[in-house]
Each structure stands twice: as structure tokens, then as C-alpha cells.
Amino acid sequence: QETDVLHPYHFVVKVDDKELPDLDWMKRGLEYYEKGDIGRAIESFETLVQLTDENAKAWYYLGKCHAENDQDPLAIACLERSVERDP
């Protein structure tokens, strides 16, 4: 459960899981991240954390993506959630 001390995070991509293809969103996000396609990596990691909110690794990489884009408040919000889920 999130506490009030976390920075807010607003998703760029809103997920309705009834419309999603059955993909390995972590693998997909990591592939985009490694290729430098940060926008698509963010979309993949955002999809994953909305489907499985407790995925600390996905929150971590989502934070790294936002840090790459110099979006520090979003990066902090994601990294806080990563640590909260897996201290």
C-alpha cells in the first residue's frame, strides 16, 4: 500500500487489460531501453506496472527511463515505488 510520502506518478499510458496483447512487457521494455528507445520503454514499463503494481524491477526501470529523459520528479516517484516494493 502506498503511503502519502511518495511523490505522485501520473501514467502517460492508461491500461485497459481487456485490450492488451499477451506480451512479456518486461522483456519488451528492456529491449527498447537497451536500444535507446526510451519512449517505447516507458510505455512498456507503464503497462507492466499497471498490470502488476508490485513489480519492483519494472518500477525501477521506469524510473531509469524517466531519469534518461531528465524527468527527475517522475524518476523519483518510480524509484520510491520500486524501493517500497522491494527494500
PDB file of N, CA and C in Angstrom:
ATOM      1  N   GLN A   1       0.839  -1.183   0.000  1.00  0.00           N
ATOM      2  CA  GLN A   1       0.000   0.000   0.000  1.00  0.00           C
ATOM      3  C   GLN A   1       0.881   1.243   0.000  1.00  0.00           C
ATOM      4  N   GLU A   2       0.559   2.189  -0.869  1.00  0.00           N
ATOM      5  CA  GLU A   2       1.356   3.399  -0.975  1.00  0.00           C
ATOM      6  C   GLU A   2       1.050   4.326   0.192  1.00  0.00           C
ATOM      7  N   THR A   3       2.096   5.035   0.609  1.00  0.00           N
ATOM      8  CA  THR A   3       1.930   5.996   1.684  1.00  0.00           C
ATOM      9  C   THR A   3       1.859   7.394   1.099  1.00  0.00           C
ATOM     10  N   ASP A   4       1.472   8.345   1.921  1.00  0.00           N
ATOM     11  CA  ASP A   4       1.343   9.726   1.459  1.00  0.00           C
ATOM     12  C   ASP A   4       2.686  10.392   1.186  1.00  0.00           C
ATOM     13  N   VAL A   5       3.791   9.770   1.596  1.00  0.00           N
ATOM     14  CA  VAL A   5       5.086  10.404   1.424  1.00  0.00           C
ATOM     15  C   VAL A   5       5.662  10.220   0.025  1.00  0.00           C
ATOM     16  N   LEU A   6       5.067   9.359  -0.788  1.00  0.00           N
ATOM     17  CA  LEU A   6       5.568   9.151  -2.135  1.00  0.00           C
ATOM     18  C   LEU A   6       5.234  10.333  -3.033  1.00  0.00           C
ATOM     19  N   HIS A   7       6.143  10.622  -3.956  1.00  0.00           N
ATOM     20  CA  HIS A   7       5.857  11.627  -4.973  1.00  0.00           C
ATOM     21  C   HIS A   7       4.760  11.082  -5.893  1.00  0.00           C
ATOM     22  N   PRO A   8       3.894  11.934  -6.404  1.00  0.00           N
ATOM     23  CA  PRO A   8       2.829  11.441  -7.288  1.00  0.00           C
ATOM     24  C   PRO A   8       3.396  10.954  -8.618  1.00  0.00           C
ATOM     25  N   TYR A   9       2.752   9.963  -9.183  1.00  0.00           N
ATOM     26  CA  TYR A   9       3.112   9.485 -10.518  1.00  0.00           C
ATOM     27  C   TYR A   9       1.851   9.450 -11.370  1.00  0.00           C
ATOM     28  N   HIS A  10       1.936  10.094 -12.539  1.00  0.00           N
ATOM     29  CA  HIS A  10       0.806  10.133 -13.461  1.00  0.00           C
ATOM     30  C   HIS A  10       1.195   9.376 -14.729  1.00  0.00           C
ATOM     31  N   PHE A  11       0.448   8.340 -15.033  1.00  0.00           N
ATOM     32  CA  PHE A  11       0.765   7.492 -16.178  1.00  0.00           C
ATOM     33  C   PHE A  11       0.530   8.218 -17.490  1.00  0.00           C
ATOM     34  N   VAL A  12       1.463   8.046 -18.408  1.00  0.00           N
ATOM     35  CA  VAL A  12       1.315   8.545 -19.769  1.00  0.00           C
ATOM     36  C   VAL A  12       0.359   7.627 -20.516  1.00  0.00           C
ATOM     37  N   VAL A  13       0.519   6.321 -20.292  1.00  0.00           N
ATOM     38  CA  VAL A  13      -0.293   5.301 -20.945  1.00  0.00           C
ATOM     39  C   VAL A  13      -1.290   4.758 -19.928  1.00  0.00           C
ATOM     40  N   LYS A  14      -2.563   4.815 -20.262  1.00  0.00           N
ATOM     41  CA  LYS A  14      -3.609   4.230 -19.414  1.00  0.00           C
ATOM     42  C   LYS A  14      -3.940   2.844 -19.952  1.00  0.00           C
ATOM     43  N   VAL A  15      -3.984   1.880 -19.059  1.00  0.00           N
ATOM     44  CA  VAL A  15      -4.136   0.489 -19.478  1.00  0.00           C
ATOM     45  C   VAL A  15      -5.532  -0.031 -19.172  1.00  0.00           C
ATOM     46  N   ASP A  16      -6.118  -0.641 -20.201  1.00  0.00           N
ATOM     47  CA  ASP A  16      -7.327  -1.431 -20.035  1.00  0.00           C
ATOM     48  C   ASP A  16      -6.929  -2.845 -20.438  1.00  0.00           C
ATOM     49  N   ASP A  17      -6.709  -3.714 -19.443  1.00  0.00           N
ATOM     50  CA  ASP A  17      -6.105  -5.018 -19.731  1.00  0.00           C
ATOM     51  C   ASP A  17      -6.959  -5.909 -20.635  1.00  0.00           C
ATOM     52  N   LYS A  18      -8.209  -5.561 -20.846  1.00  0.00           N
ATOM     53  CA  LYS A  18      -9.036  -6.342 -21.753  1.00  0.00           C
ATOM     54  C   LYS A  18      -8.604  -6.148 -23.209  1.00  0.00           C
ATOM     55  N   GLU A  19      -7.895  -5.066 -23.493  1.00  0.00           N
ATOM     56  CA  GLU A  19      -7.498  -4.759 -24.865  1.00  0.00           C
ATOM     57  C   GLU A  19      -6.029  -5.055 -25.141  1.00  0.00           C
ATOM     58  N   LEU A  20      -5.293  -5.545 -24.141  1.00  0.00           N
ATOM     59  CA  LEU A  20      -3.858  -5.718 -24.300  1.00  0.00           C
ATOM     60  C   LEU A  20      -3.497  -7.070 -24.907  1.00  0.00           C
ATOM     61  N   PRO A  21      -2.517  -7.065 -25.811  1.00  0.00           N
ATOM     62  CA  PRO A  21      -1.990  -8.347 -26.257  1.00  0.00           C
ATOM     63  C   PRO A  21      -1.211  -9.005 -25.116  1.00  0.00           C
ATOM     64  N   ASP A  22      -1.132 -10.307 -25.132  1.00  0.00           N
ATOM     65  CA  ASP A  22      -0.417 -11.037 -24.094  1.00  0.00           C
ATOM     66  C   ASP A  22       1.064 -11.035 -24.426  1.00  0.00           C
ATOM     67  N   LEU A  23       1.776 -10.039 -23.926  1.00  0.00           N
ATOM     68  CA  LEU A  23       3.199  -9.877 -24.214  1.00  0.00           C
ATOM     69  C   LEU A  23       4.004  -9.935 -22.923  1.00  0.00           C
ATOM     70  N   ASP A  24       5.295 -10.211 -23.074  1.00  0.00           N
ATOM     71  CA  ASP A  24       6.220 -10.111 -21.948  1.00  0.00           C
ATOM     72  C   ASP A  24       6.661  -8.648 -21.890  1.00  0.00           C
ATOM     73  N   TRP A  25       5.919  -7.859 -21.127  1.00  0.00           N
ATOM     74  CA  TRP A  25       6.139  -6.407 -21.096  1.00  0.00           C
ATOM     75  C   TRP A  25       7.503  -6.040 -20.526  1.00  0.00           C
ATOM     76  N   MET A  26       8.029  -6.833 -19.574  1.00  0.00           N
ATOM     77  CA  MET A  26       9.357  -6.562 -19.023  1.00  0.00           C
ATOM     78  C   MET A  26      10.422  -6.751 -20.101  1.00  0.00           C
ATOM     79  N   LYS A  27      10.360  -7.880 -20.790  1.00  0.00           N
ATOM     80  CA  LYS A  27      11.333  -8.155 -21.854  1.00  0.00           C
ATOM     81  C   LYS A  27      11.267  -7.074 -22.928  1.00  0.00           C
ATOM     82  N   ARG A  28      10.057  -6.730 -23.304  1.00  0.00           N
ATOM     83  CA  ARG A  28       9.850  -5.704 -24.334  1.00  0.00           C
ATOM     84  C   ARG A  28      10.424  -4.358 -23.882  1.00  0.00           C
ATOM     85  N   GLY A  29      10.138  -3.986 -22.638  1.00  0.00           N
ATOM     86  CA  GLY A  29      10.653  -2.721 -22.117  1.00  0.00           C
ATOM     87  C   GLY A  29      12.169  -2.689 -22.061  1.00  0.00           C
ATOM     88  N   LEU A  30      12.768  -3.790 -21.619  1.00  0.00           N
ATOM     89  CA  LEU A  30      14.234  -3.864 -21.549  1.00  0.00           C
ATOM     90  C   LEU A  30      14.861  -3.785 -22.942  1.00  0.00           C
ATOM     91  N   GLU A  31      14.228  -4.438 -23.915  1.00  0.00           N
ATOM     92  CA  GLU A  31      14.751  -4.368 -25.290  1.00  0.00           C
ATOM     93  C   GLU A  31      14.712  -2.936 -25.814  1.00  0.00           C
ATOM     94  N   TYR A  32      13.599  -2.247 -25.594  1.00  0.00           N
ATOM     95  CA  TYR A  32      13.514  -0.844 -26.022  1.00  0.00           C
ATOM     96  C   TYR A  32      14.524   0.015 -25.272  1.00  0.00           C
ATOM     97  N   TYR A  33      14.663  -0.214 -23.975  1.00  0.00           N
ATOM     98  CA  TYR A  33      15.602   0.564 -23.162  1.00  0.00           C
ATOM     99  C   TYR A  33      17.025   0.389 -23.689  1.00  0.00           C
ATOM    100  N   GLU A  34      17.414  -0.856 -23.954  1.00  0.00           N
ATOM    101  CA  GLU A  34      18.769  -1.133 -24.428  1.00  0.00           C
ATOM    102  C   GLU A  34      19.029  -0.543 -25.808  1.00  0.00           C
ATOM    103  N   LYS A  35      17.978  -0.403 -26.629  1.00  0.00           N
ATOM    104  CA  LYS A  35      18.113   0.203 -27.957  1.00  0.00           C
ATOM    105  C   LYS A  35      18.094   1.727 -27.888  1.00  0.00           C
ATOM    106  N   GLY A  36      17.778   2.266 -26.709  1.00  0.00           N
ATOM    107  CA  GLY A  36      17.699   3.715 -26.570  1.00  0.00           C
ATOM    108  C   GLY A  36      16.353   4.293 -26.939  1.00  0.00           C
ATOM    109  N   ASP A  37      15.359   3.439 -27.156  1.00  0.00           N
ATOM    110  CA  ASP A  37      14.007   3.904 -27.481  1.00  0.00           C
ATOM    111  C   ASP A  37      13.249   4.090 -26.159  1.00  0.00           C
ATOM    112  N   ILE A  38      13.565   5.183 -25.481  1.00  0.00           N
ATOM    113  CA  ILE A  38      13.077   5.422 -24.122  1.00  0.00           C
ATOM    114  C   ILE A  38      11.557   5.597 -24.092  1.00  0.00           C
ATOM    115  N   GLY A  39      11.003   6.236 -25.096  1.00  0.00           N
ATOM    116  CA  GLY A  39       9.551   6.438 -25.143  1.00  0.00           C
ATOM    117  C   GLY A  39       8.788   5.115 -25.150  1.00  0.00           C
ATOM    118  N   ARG A  40       9.231   4.194 -25.986  1.00  0.00           N
ATOM    119  CA  ARG A  40       8.549   2.889 -26.039  1.00  0.00           C
ATOM    120  C   ARG A  40       8.860   2.061 -24.797  1.00  0.00           C
ATOM    121  N   ALA A  41      10.045   2.228 -24.237  1.00  0.00           N
ATOM    122  CA  ALA A  41      10.368   1.533 -22.988  1.00  0.00           C
ATOM    123  C   ALA A  41       9.430   2.004 -21.879  1.00  0.00           C
ATOM    124  N   ILE A  42       9.203   3.316 -21.800  1.00  0.00           N
ATOM    125  CA  ILE A  42       8.284   3.867 -20.797  1.00  0.00           C
ATOM    126  C   ILE A  42       6.892   3.274 -20.988  1.00  0.00           C
ATOM    127  N   GLU A  43       6.419   3.230 -22.229  1.00  0.00           N
ATOM    128  CA  GLU A  43       5.094   2.653 -22.491  1.00  0.00           C
ATOM    129  C   GLU A  43       5.022   1.208 -22.007  1.00  0.00           C
ATOM    130  N   SER A  44       6.067   0.427 -22.270  1.00  0.00           N
ATOM    131  CA  SER A  44       6.074  -0.981 -21.865  1.00  0.00           C
ATOM    132  C   SER A  44       6.095  -1.127 -20.350  1.00  0.00           C
ATOM    133  N   PHE A  45       6.975  -0.387 -19.680  1.00  0.00           N
ATOM    134  CA  PHE A  45       7.069  -0.493 -18.223  1.00  0.00           C
ATOM    135  C   PHE A  45       5.810   0.049 -17.542  1.00  0.00           C
ATOM    136  N   GLU A  46       5.234   1.122 -18.086  1.00  0.00           N
ATOM    137  CA  GLU A  46       3.983   1.643 -17.520  1.00  0.00           C
ATOM    138  C   GLU A  46       2.867   0.613 -17.655  1.00  0.00           C
ATOM    139  N   THR A  47       2.816  -0.052 -18.786  1.00  0.00           N
ATOM    140  CA  THR A  47       1.813  -1.101 -18.971  1.00  0.00           C
ATOM    141  C   THR A  47       1.991  -2.181 -17.917  1.00  0.00           C
ATOM    142  N   LEU A  48       3.227  -2.618 -17.730  1.00  0.00           N
ATOM    143  CA  LEU A  48       3.503  -3.692 -16.781  1.00  0.00           C
ATOM    144  C   LEU A  48       3.149  -3.302 -15.350  1.00  0.00           C
ATOM    145  N   VAL A  49       3.523  -2.108 -14.916  1.00  0.00           N
ATOM    146  CA  VAL A  49       3.239  -1.753 -13.518  1.00  0.00           C
ATOM    147  C   VAL A  49       1.751  -1.527 -13.281  1.00  0.00           C
ATOM    148  N   GLN A  50       1.014  -1.205 -14.323  1.00  0.00           N
ATOM    149  CA  GLN A  50      -0.434  -1.104 -14.146  1.00  0.00           C
ATOM    150  C   GLN A  50      -1.085  -2.480 -14.082  1.00  0.00           C
ATOM    151  N   LEU A  51      -0.469  -3.466 -14.726  1.00  0.00           N
ATOM    152  CA  LEU A  51      -0.986  -4.827 -14.669  1.00  0.00           C
ATOM    153  C   LEU A  51      -0.557  -5.543 -13.392  1.00  0.00           C
ATOM    154  N   THR A  52       0.681  -5.297 -12.981  1.00  0.00           N
ATOM    155  CA  THR A  52       1.242  -5.932 -11.778  1.00  0.00           C
ATOM    156  C   THR A  52       1.985  -4.871 -10.979  1.00  0.00           C
ATOM    157  N   ASP A  53       1.244  -4.136 -10.196  1.00  0.00           N
ATOM    158  CA  ASP A  53       1.763  -2.975  -9.466  1.00  0.00           C
ATOM    159  C   ASP A  53       2.928  -3.312  -8.538  1.00  0.00           C
ATOM    160  N   GLU A  54       3.024  -4.541  -8.093  1.00  0.00           N
ATOM    161  CA  GLU A  54       4.057  -4.910  -7.126  1.00  0.00           C
ATOM    162  C   GLU A  54       5.399  -5.251  -7.768  1.00  0.00           C
ATOM    163  N   ASN A  55       5.548  -5.051  -9.059  1.00  0.00           N
ATOM    164  CA  ASN A  55       6.772  -5.400  -9.761  1.00  0.00           C
ATOM    165  C   ASN A  55       7.837  -4.324  -9.552  1.00  0.00           C
ATOM    166  N   ALA A  56       8.706  -4.545  -8.571  1.00  0.00           N
ATOM    167  CA  ALA A  56       9.727  -3.555  -8.206  1.00  0.00           C
ATOM    168  C   ALA A  56      10.697  -3.293  -9.352  1.00  0.00           C
ATOM    169  N   LYS A  57      11.048  -4.337 -10.096  1.00  0.00           N
ATOM    170  CA  LYS A  57      12.003  -4.180 -11.195  1.00  0.00           C
ATOM    171  C   LYS A  57      11.430  -3.288 -12.297  1.00  0.00           C
ATOM    172  N   ALA A  58      10.151  -3.452 -12.585  1.00  0.00           N
ATOM    173  CA  ALA A  58       9.522  -2.615 -13.610  1.00  0.00           C
ATOM    174  C   ALA A  58       9.481  -1.157 -13.167  1.00  0.00           C
ATOM    175  N   TRP A  59       9.148  -0.923 -11.891  1.00  0.00           N
ATOM    176  CA  TRP A  59       9.167   0.453 -11.370  1.00  0.00           C
ATOM    177  C   TRP A  59      10.574   1.037 -11.457  1.00  0.00           C
ATOM    178  N   TYR A  60      11.589   0.213 -11.148  1.00  0.00           N
ATOM    179  CA  TYR A  60      12.982   0.660 -11.194  1.00  0.00           C
ATOM    180  C   TYR A  60      13.357   1.107 -12.615  1.00  0.00           C
ATOM    181  N   TYR A  61      13.076   0.260 -13.597  1.00  0.00           N
ATOM    182  CA  TYR A  61      13.438   0.613 -14.973  1.00  0.00           C
ATOM    183  C   TYR A  61      12.601   1.766 -15.516  1.00  0.00           C
ATOM    184  N   LEU A  62      11.368   1.868 -15.079  1.00  0.00           N
ATOM    185  CA  LEU A  62      10.562   3.022 -15.462  1.00  0.00           C
ATOM    186  C   LEU A  62      11.211   4.297 -14.915  1.00  0.00           C
ATOM    187  N   GLY A  63      11.705   4.226 -13.684  1.00  0.00           N
ATOM    188  CA  GLY A  63      12.421   5.367 -13.110  1.00  0.00           C
ATOM    189  C   GLY A  63      13.687   5.698 -13.878  1.00  0.00           C
ATOM    190  N   LYS A  64      14.438   4.674 -14.281  1.00  0.00           N
ATOM    191  CA  LYS A  64      15.653   4.908 -15.071  1.00  0.00           C
ATOM    192  C   LYS A  64      15.327   5.581 -16.400  1.00  0.00           C
ATOM    193  N   CYS A  65      14.225   5.167 -17.015  1.00  0.00           N
ATOM    194  CA  CYS A  65      13.815   5.788 -18.280  1.00  0.00           C
ATOM    195  C   CYS A  65      13.513   7.271 -18.091  1.00  0.00           C
ATOM    196  N   HIS A  66      12.768   7.584 -17.036  1.00  0.00           N
ATOM    197  CA  HIS A  66      12.445   8.988 -16.790  1.00  0.00           C
ATOM    198  C   HIS A  66      13.704   9.786 -16.446  1.00  0.00           C
ATOM    199  N   ALA A  67      14.653   9.171 -15.759  1.00  0.00           N
ATOM    200  CA  ALA A  67      15.920   9.844 -15.464  1.00  0.00           C
ATOM    201  C   ALA A  67      16.673  10.139 -16.763  1.00  0.00           C
ATOM    202  N   GLU A  68      16.653   9.203 -17.699  1.00  0.00           N
ATOM    203  CA  GLU A  68      17.287   9.408 -19.011  1.00  0.00           C
ATOM    204  C   GLU A  68      16.679  10.608 -19.734  1.00  0.00           C
ATOM    205  N   ASN A  69      15.394  10.818 -19.528  1.00  0.00           N
ATOM    206  CA  ASN A  69      14.685  11.933 -20.163  1.00  0.00           C
ATOM    207  C   ASN A  69      14.733  13.215 -19.334  1.00  0.00           C
ATOM    208  N   ASP A  70      15.562  13.218 -18.293  1.00  0.00           N
ATOM    209  CA  ASP A  70      15.663  14.379 -17.389  1.00  0.00           C
ATOM    210  C   ASP A  70      14.320  14.749 -16.773  1.00  0.00           C
ATOM    211  N   GLN A  71      13.508  13.746 -16.491  1.00  0.00           N
ATOM    212  CA  GLN A  71      12.218  13.947 -15.820  1.00  0.00           C
ATOM    213  C   GLN A  71      12.385  13.474 -14.379  1.00  0.00           C
ATOM    214  N   ASP A  72      13.156  14.257 -13.624  1.00  0.00           N
ATOM    215  CA  ASP A  72      13.541  13.832 -12.282  1.00  0.00           C
ATOM    216  C   ASP A  72      12.370  13.568 -11.342  1.00  0.00           C
ATOM    217  N   PRO A  73      11.332  14.406 -11.302  1.00  0.00           N
ATOM    218  CA  PRO A  73      10.221  14.097 -10.387  1.00  0.00           C
ATOM    219  C   PRO A  73       9.564  12.748 -10.686  1.00  0.00           C
ATOM    220  N   LEU A  74       9.408  12.420 -11.976  1.00  0.00           N
ATOM    221  CA  LEU A  74       8.826  11.124 -12.335  1.00  0.00           C
ATOM    222  C   LEU A  74       9.786   9.995 -11.984  1.00  0.00           C
ATOM    223  N   ALA A  75      11.079  10.213 -12.223  1.00  0.00           N
ATOM    224  CA  ALA A  75      12.074   9.191 -11.889  1.00  0.00           C
ATOM    225  C   ALA A  75      12.052   8.907 -10.387  1.00  0.00           C
ATOM    226  N   ILE A  76      12.009   9.951  -9.591  1.00  0.00           N
ATOM    227  CA  ILE A  76      11.971   9.794  -8.133  1.00  0.00           C
ATOM    228  C   ILE A  76      10.726   9.029  -7.712  1.00  0.00           C
ATOM    229  N   ALA A  77       9.586   9.388  -8.283  1.00  0.00           N
ATOM    230  CA  ALA A  77       8.327   8.716  -7.931  1.00  0.00           C
ATOM    231  C   ALA A  77       8.416   7.218  -8.222  1.00  0.00           C
ATOM    232  N   CYS A  78       8.993   6.863  -9.362  1.00  0.00           N
ATOM    233  CA  CYS A  78       9.102   5.447  -9.736  1.00  0.00           C
ATOM    234  C   CYS A  78      10.090   4.717  -8.838  1.00  0.00           C
ATOM    235  N   LEU A  79      11.221   5.338  -8.582  1.00  0.00           N
ATOM    236  CA  LEU A  79      12.245   4.680  -7.763  1.00  0.00           C
ATOM    237  C   LEU A  79      11.757   4.516  -6.323  1.00  0.00           C
ATOM    238  N   GLU A  80      10.991   5.465  -5.830  1.00  0.00           N
ATOM    239  CA  GLU A  80      10.386   5.306  -4.499  1.00  0.00           C
ATOM    240  C   GLU A  80       9.487   4.071  -4.459  1.00  0.00           C
ATOM    241  N   ARG A  81       8.700   3.898  -5.508  1.00  0.00           N
ATOM    242  CA  ARG A  81       7.787   2.754  -5.552  1.00  0.00           C
ATOM    243  C   ARG A  81       8.559   1.437  -5.680  1.00  0.00           C
ATOM    244  N   SER A  82       9.658   1.466  -6.398  1.00  0.00           N
ATOM    245  CA  SER A  82      10.487   0.278  -6.522  1.00  0.00           C
ATOM    246  C   SER A  82      11.042  -0.139  -5.158  1.00  0.00           C
ATOM    247  N   VAL A  83      11.586   0.825  -4.437  1.00  0.00           N
ATOM    248  CA  VAL A  83      12.159   0.533  -3.115  1.00  0.00           C
ATOM    249  C   VAL A  83      11.075   0.118  -2.128  1.00  0.00           C
ATOM    250  N   GLU A  84       9.917   0.735  -2.220  1.00  0.00           N
ATOM    251  CA  GLU A  84       8.811   0.381  -1.322  1.00  0.00           C
ATOM    252  C   GLU A  84       8.397  -1.085  -1.535  1.00  0.00           C
ATOM    253  N   ARG A  85       8.444  -1.546  -2.784  1.00  0.00           N
ATOM    254  CA  ARG A  85       8.010  -2.902  -3.085  1.00  0.00           C
ATOM    255  C   ARG A  85       9.095  -3.942  -2.814  1.00  0.00           C
ATOM    256  N   ASP A  86      10.359  -3.517  -2.903  1.00  0.00           N
ATOM    257  CA  ASP A  86      11.472  -4.440  -2.651  1.00  0.00           C
ATOM    258  C   ASP A  86      12.613  -3.687  -1.978  1.00  0.00           C
ATOM    259  N   PRO A  87      12.487  -3.483  -0.661  1.00  0.00           N
ATOM    260  CA  PRO A  87      13.522  -2.720   0.061  1.00  0.00           C
ATOM    261  C   PRO A  87      14.853  -3.433   0.025  1.00  0.00           C
TER     262      PRO A  87
END
